Amino acid sequence: MSTHQNGGRPRGGQLLSTFDADTVMGKVYDSRVIRRLVRYLGPVRSDLTLGTLGMIIRSVSTVALPVLIGMATDALIGDGDLAQLNTTILIVAA
């Protein structure tokens, strides 16, 4: 070990620079760990699939609903049918 000030002990940044990050923290990606993870997720695959499908449907509907409301509003205002527009607003609000 090289000599440092303060009795030979490294300080703050000097300590970090003496170690390789992969050695201390481990590799960021390890294919063996990923293979084991896939094996452990096998029994709950249907739950993961259903959850993923639910998230996709929720995301698409979150984006699509305002677009559909805008299209309906434009169509109803264009026709001059304000009574139907009020009914549509009440249905969406409920």
N, C-alpha and C. Protein backbone atom coordinates (compact mmCIF):
# COMPACT_ATOMS: atom_id res chain seq x y z
N MET A 1 0.85 -1.17 0.00
CA MET A 1 0.00 0.00 0.00
C MET A 1 0.88 1.22 0.00
N SER A 2 0.51 2.22 -0.73
CA SER A 2 1.31 3.43 -0.78
C SER A 2 1.12 4.23 0.50
N THR A 3 2.07 5.07 0.79
CA THR A 3 1.97 5.87 2.01
C THR A 3 1.09 7.09 1.74
N HIS A 4 0.26 7.38 2.69
CA HIS A 4 -0.64 8.52 2.62
C HIS A 4 -0.37 9.40 3.82
N GLN A 5 -0.91 10.59 3.77
CA GLN A 5 -0.83 11.47 4.92
C GLN A 5 -1.69 10.89 6.03
N ASN A 6 -1.61 11.45 7.20
CA ASN A 6 -2.40 11.02 8.37
C ASN A 6 -2.08 9.57 8.76
N GLY A 7 -0.82 9.26 8.90
CA GLY A 7 -0.44 7.95 9.41
C GLY A 7 -0.61 6.82 8.43
N GLY A 8 -0.57 7.10 7.15
CA GLY A 8 -0.63 6.03 6.15
C GLY A 8 -2.03 5.59 5.80
N ARG A 9 -3.06 6.19 6.40
CA ARG A 9 -4.43 5.79 6.09
C ARG A 9 -4.96 6.65 4.94
N PRO A 10 -5.61 6.03 3.96
CA PRO A 10 -6.19 6.82 2.87
C PRO A 10 -7.39 7.61 3.37
N ARG A 11 -7.68 8.74 2.74
CA ARG A 11 -8.81 9.59 3.12
C ARG A 11 -9.82 9.61 1.98
N GLY A 12 -11.07 9.79 2.29
CA GLY A 12 -12.17 9.99 1.36
C GLY A 12 -11.97 9.49 -0.05
N GLY A 13 -11.68 10.41 -0.97
CA GLY A 13 -11.55 10.09 -2.39
C GLY A 13 -10.39 9.17 -2.69
N GLN A 14 -9.36 9.20 -1.86
CA GLN A 14 -8.22 8.32 -2.10
C GLN A 14 -8.60 6.87 -1.89
N LEU A 15 -9.47 6.59 -0.93
CA LEU A 15 -9.91 5.23 -0.68
C LEU A 15 -10.70 4.69 -1.85
N LEU A 16 -11.61 5.50 -2.38
CA LEU A 16 -12.44 5.06 -3.50
C LEU A 16 -11.62 4.82 -4.75
N SER A 17 -10.57 5.59 -4.95
CA SER A 17 -9.80 5.43 -6.18
C SER A 17 -8.91 4.20 -6.14
N THR A 18 -8.73 3.56 -4.98
CA THR A 18 -7.87 2.38 -4.90
C THR A 18 -8.62 1.09 -5.22
N PHE A 19 -9.97 1.13 -5.33
CA PHE A 19 -10.75 -0.06 -5.59
C PHE A 19 -11.43 0.05 -6.95
N ASP A 20 -11.59 -1.10 -7.59
CA ASP A 20 -12.34 -1.17 -8.83
C ASP A 20 -13.82 -1.32 -8.47
N ALA A 21 -14.69 -0.54 -9.08
CA ALA A 21 -16.11 -0.56 -8.73
C ALA A 21 -16.72 -1.94 -8.94
N ASP A 22 -16.34 -2.66 -10.00
CA ASP A 22 -16.90 -3.99 -10.23
C ASP A 22 -16.48 -4.97 -9.14
N THR A 23 -15.31 -4.79 -8.60
CA THR A 23 -14.85 -5.67 -7.55
C THR A 23 -15.64 -5.43 -6.27
N VAL A 24 -15.91 -4.21 -5.94
CA VAL A 24 -16.60 -3.87 -4.70
C VAL A 24 -18.09 -4.12 -4.82
N MET A 25 -18.73 -3.65 -5.89
CA MET A 25 -20.18 -3.70 -6.03
C MET A 25 -20.67 -4.92 -6.79
N GLY A 26 -19.86 -5.60 -7.51
CA GLY A 26 -20.28 -6.71 -8.35
C GLY A 26 -20.59 -6.21 -9.74
N LYS A 27 -20.70 -7.15 -10.68
CA LYS A 27 -20.99 -6.76 -12.06
C LYS A 27 -22.43 -6.24 -12.15
N VAL A 28 -22.65 -5.30 -13.04
CA VAL A 28 -23.98 -4.72 -13.21
C VAL A 28 -24.92 -5.75 -13.83
N TYR A 29 -24.46 -6.52 -14.79
CA TYR A 29 -25.28 -7.53 -15.44
C TYR A 29 -24.56 -8.87 -15.36
N ASP A 30 -25.24 -9.86 -14.84
CA ASP A 30 -24.68 -11.20 -14.76
C ASP A 30 -25.71 -12.16 -15.35
N SER A 31 -25.38 -12.82 -16.43
CA SER A 31 -26.35 -13.67 -17.12
C SER A 31 -26.80 -14.84 -16.24
N ARG A 32 -25.94 -15.32 -15.36
CA ARG A 32 -26.35 -16.43 -14.48
C ARG A 32 -27.45 -16.00 -13.52
N VAL A 33 -27.35 -14.78 -13.02
CA VAL A 33 -28.38 -14.27 -12.12
C VAL A 33 -29.71 -14.11 -12.85
N ILE A 34 -29.66 -13.62 -14.08
CA ILE A 34 -30.89 -13.46 -14.88
C ILE A 34 -31.53 -14.81 -15.16
N ARG A 35 -30.73 -15.83 -15.47
CA ARG A 35 -31.29 -17.17 -15.70
C ARG A 35 -31.96 -17.72 -14.45
N ARG A 36 -31.34 -17.50 -13.29
CA ARG A 36 -31.96 -17.95 -12.03
C ARG A 36 -33.24 -17.19 -11.76
N LEU A 37 -33.24 -15.89 -12.05
CA LEU A 37 -34.43 -15.08 -11.83
C LEU A 37 -35.59 -15.59 -12.68
N VAL A 38 -35.34 -15.90 -13.94
CA VAL A 38 -36.39 -16.41 -14.82
C VAL A 38 -36.92 -17.73 -14.28
N ARG A 39 -36.05 -18.57 -13.75
CA ARG A 39 -36.48 -19.85 -13.20
C ARG A 39 -37.37 -19.64 -11.98
N TYR A 40 -37.05 -18.67 -11.13
CA TYR A 40 -37.87 -18.40 -9.95
C TYR A 40 -39.21 -17.77 -10.32
N LEU A 41 -39.28 -17.05 -11.42
CA LEU A 41 -40.52 -16.41 -11.82
C LEU A 41 -41.47 -17.36 -12.55
N GLY A 42 -41.01 -18.54 -12.88
CA GLY A 42 -41.83 -19.51 -13.61
C GLY A 42 -43.18 -19.80 -12.99
N PRO A 43 -43.26 -20.07 -11.68
CA PRO A 43 -44.56 -20.40 -11.07
C PRO A 43 -45.57 -19.26 -11.10
N VAL A 44 -45.13 -18.03 -11.21
CA VAL A 44 -46.05 -16.89 -11.19
C VAL A 44 -46.14 -16.22 -12.57
N ARG A 45 -45.79 -16.97 -13.60
CA ARG A 45 -45.77 -16.41 -14.95
C ARG A 45 -47.15 -15.90 -15.37
N SER A 46 -48.22 -16.65 -15.05
CA SER A 46 -49.56 -16.21 -15.45
C SER A 46 -49.94 -14.92 -14.73
N ASP A 47 -49.56 -14.79 -13.46
CA ASP A 47 -49.84 -13.55 -12.72
C ASP A 47 -49.08 -12.37 -13.32
N LEU A 48 -47.82 -12.60 -13.69
CA LEU A 48 -47.03 -11.54 -14.31
C LEU A 48 -47.61 -11.13 -15.66
N THR A 49 -48.05 -12.11 -16.42
CA THR A 49 -48.64 -11.83 -17.73
C THR A 49 -49.94 -11.03 -17.56
N LEU A 50 -50.77 -11.43 -16.62
CA LEU A 50 -52.03 -10.73 -16.38
C LEU A 50 -51.77 -9.30 -15.89
N GLY A 51 -50.81 -9.15 -15.00
CA GLY A 51 -50.46 -7.81 -14.51
C GLY A 51 -49.92 -6.91 -15.61
N THR A 52 -49.07 -7.47 -16.46
CA THR A 52 -48.52 -6.69 -17.57
C THR A 52 -49.62 -6.29 -18.55
N LEU A 53 -50.50 -7.22 -18.84
CA LEU A 53 -51.63 -6.92 -19.73
C LEU A 53 -52.52 -5.84 -19.13
N GLY A 54 -52.77 -5.91 -17.83
CA GLY A 54 -53.57 -4.89 -17.17
C GLY A 54 -52.92 -3.52 -17.23
N MET A 55 -51.60 -3.46 -17.05
CA MET A 55 -50.90 -2.18 -17.13
C MET A 55 -50.97 -1.59 -18.53
N ILE A 56 -50.87 -2.45 -19.54
CA ILE A 56 -50.94 -1.97 -20.93
C ILE A 56 -52.34 -1.42 -21.22
N ILE A 57 -53.37 -2.16 -20.80
CA ILE A 57 -54.75 -1.70 -21.03
C ILE A 57 -55.00 -0.39 -20.30
N ARG A 58 -54.52 -0.28 -19.07
CA ARG A 58 -54.71 0.96 -18.31
C ARG A 58 -54.00 2.13 -18.99
N SER A 59 -52.80 1.91 -19.46
CA SER A 59 -52.05 2.99 -20.12
C SER A 59 -52.74 3.44 -21.40
N VAL A 60 -53.20 2.49 -22.19
CA VAL A 60 -53.87 2.83 -23.45
C VAL A 60 -55.19 3.56 -23.17
N SER A 61 -55.93 3.10 -22.18
CA SER A 61 -57.21 3.76 -21.89
C SER A 61 -57.00 5.15 -21.29
N THR A 62 -55.93 5.33 -20.55
CA THR A 62 -55.64 6.65 -19.99
C THR A 62 -55.37 7.66 -21.10
N VAL A 63 -54.73 7.22 -22.15
CA VAL A 63 -54.44 8.10 -23.28
C VAL A 63 -55.67 8.23 -24.19
N ALA A 64 -56.41 7.15 -24.39
CA ALA A 64 -57.51 7.14 -25.35
C ALA A 64 -58.74 7.88 -24.85
N LEU A 65 -59.02 7.86 -23.56
CA LEU A 65 -60.25 8.47 -23.05
C LEU A 65 -60.35 9.95 -23.37
N PRO A 66 -59.34 10.77 -23.11
CA PRO A 66 -59.46 12.18 -23.47
C PRO A 66 -59.63 12.41 -24.98
N VAL A 67 -58.99 11.57 -25.78
CA VAL A 67 -59.13 11.70 -27.23
C VAL A 67 -60.57 11.40 -27.64
N LEU A 68 -61.13 10.33 -27.10
CA LEU A 68 -62.52 9.98 -27.43
C LEU A 68 -63.50 11.04 -26.95
N ILE A 69 -63.27 11.58 -25.77
CA ILE A 69 -64.15 12.63 -25.25
C ILE A 69 -64.06 13.86 -26.15
N GLY A 70 -62.86 14.19 -26.58
CA GLY A 70 -62.70 15.34 -27.48
C GLY A 70 -63.42 15.13 -28.79
N MET A 71 -63.32 13.92 -29.34
CA MET A 71 -64.00 13.63 -30.60
C MET A 71 -65.52 13.71 -30.44
N ALA A 72 -66.03 13.16 -29.33
CA ALA A 72 -67.47 13.19 -29.09
C ALA A 72 -67.95 14.62 -28.87
N THR A 73 -67.18 15.40 -28.13
CA THR A 73 -67.56 16.79 -27.89
C THR A 73 -67.59 17.58 -29.19
N ASP A 74 -66.59 17.41 -30.02
CA ASP A 74 -66.55 18.10 -31.30
C ASP A 74 -67.74 17.72 -32.17
N ALA A 75 -68.09 16.44 -32.17
CA ALA A 75 -69.21 15.98 -32.99
C ALA A 75 -70.53 16.54 -32.46
N LEU A 76 -70.71 16.54 -31.14
CA LEU A 76 -71.97 17.02 -30.57
C LEU A 76 -72.12 18.53 -30.70
N ILE A 77 -71.03 19.26 -30.50
CA ILE A 77 -71.10 20.72 -30.65
C ILE A 77 -71.30 21.08 -32.12
N GLY A 78 -70.66 20.33 -32.99
CA GLY A 78 -70.81 20.58 -34.42
C GLY A 78 -72.25 20.38 -34.89
N ASP A 79 -72.93 19.38 -34.29
CA ASP A 79 -74.33 19.13 -34.64
C ASP A 79 -75.27 20.12 -33.94
N GLY A 80 -74.78 20.81 -32.92
CA GLY A 80 -75.61 21.75 -32.18
C GLY A 80 -76.50 21.08 -31.16
N ASP A 81 -76.23 19.82 -30.85
CA ASP A 81 -77.05 19.06 -29.90
C ASP A 81 -76.47 19.21 -28.49
N LEU A 82 -76.75 20.33 -27.84
CA LEU A 82 -76.19 20.60 -26.52
C LEU A 82 -76.83 19.73 -25.43
N ALA A 83 -78.05 19.29 -25.62
CA ALA A 83 -78.70 18.41 -24.65
C ALA A 83 -77.95 17.06 -24.60
N GLN A 84 -77.62 16.56 -25.77
CA GLN A 84 -76.85 15.30 -25.82
C GLN A 84 -75.46 15.49 -25.24
N LEU A 85 -74.87 16.67 -25.43
CA LEU A 85 -73.55 16.97 -24.86
C LEU A 85 -73.63 16.96 -23.34
N ASN A 86 -74.67 17.54 -22.77
CA ASN A 86 -74.84 17.54 -21.31
C ASN A 86 -75.01 16.11 -20.78
N THR A 87 -75.77 15.29 -21.50
CA THR A 87 -75.95 13.90 -21.10
C THR A 87 -74.61 13.15 -21.13
N THR A 88 -73.83 13.38 -22.17
CA THR A 88 -72.52 12.73 -22.29
C THR A 88 -71.59 13.17 -21.16
N ILE A 89 -71.61 14.43 -20.81
CA ILE A 89 -70.76 14.93 -19.73
C ILE A 89 -71.15 14.28 -18.40
N LEU A 90 -72.45 14.15 -18.15
CA LEU A 90 -72.91 13.50 -16.91
C LEU A 90 -72.52 12.03 -16.86
N ILE A 91 -72.58 11.36 -17.99
CA ILE A 91 -72.21 9.92 -18.02
C ILE A 91 -70.71 9.77 -17.76
N VAL A 92 -69.89 10.61 -18.36
CA VAL A 92 -68.45 10.52 -18.16
C VAL A 92 -68.08 10.90 -16.74
N ALA A 93 -68.76 11.88 -16.16
CA ALA A 93 -68.46 12.33 -14.80
C ALA A 93 -68.84 11.26 -13.77
N ALA A 94 -69.81 10.43 -14.08
CA ALA A 94 -70.26 9.40 -13.14
C ALA A 94 -69.34 8.25 -13.14
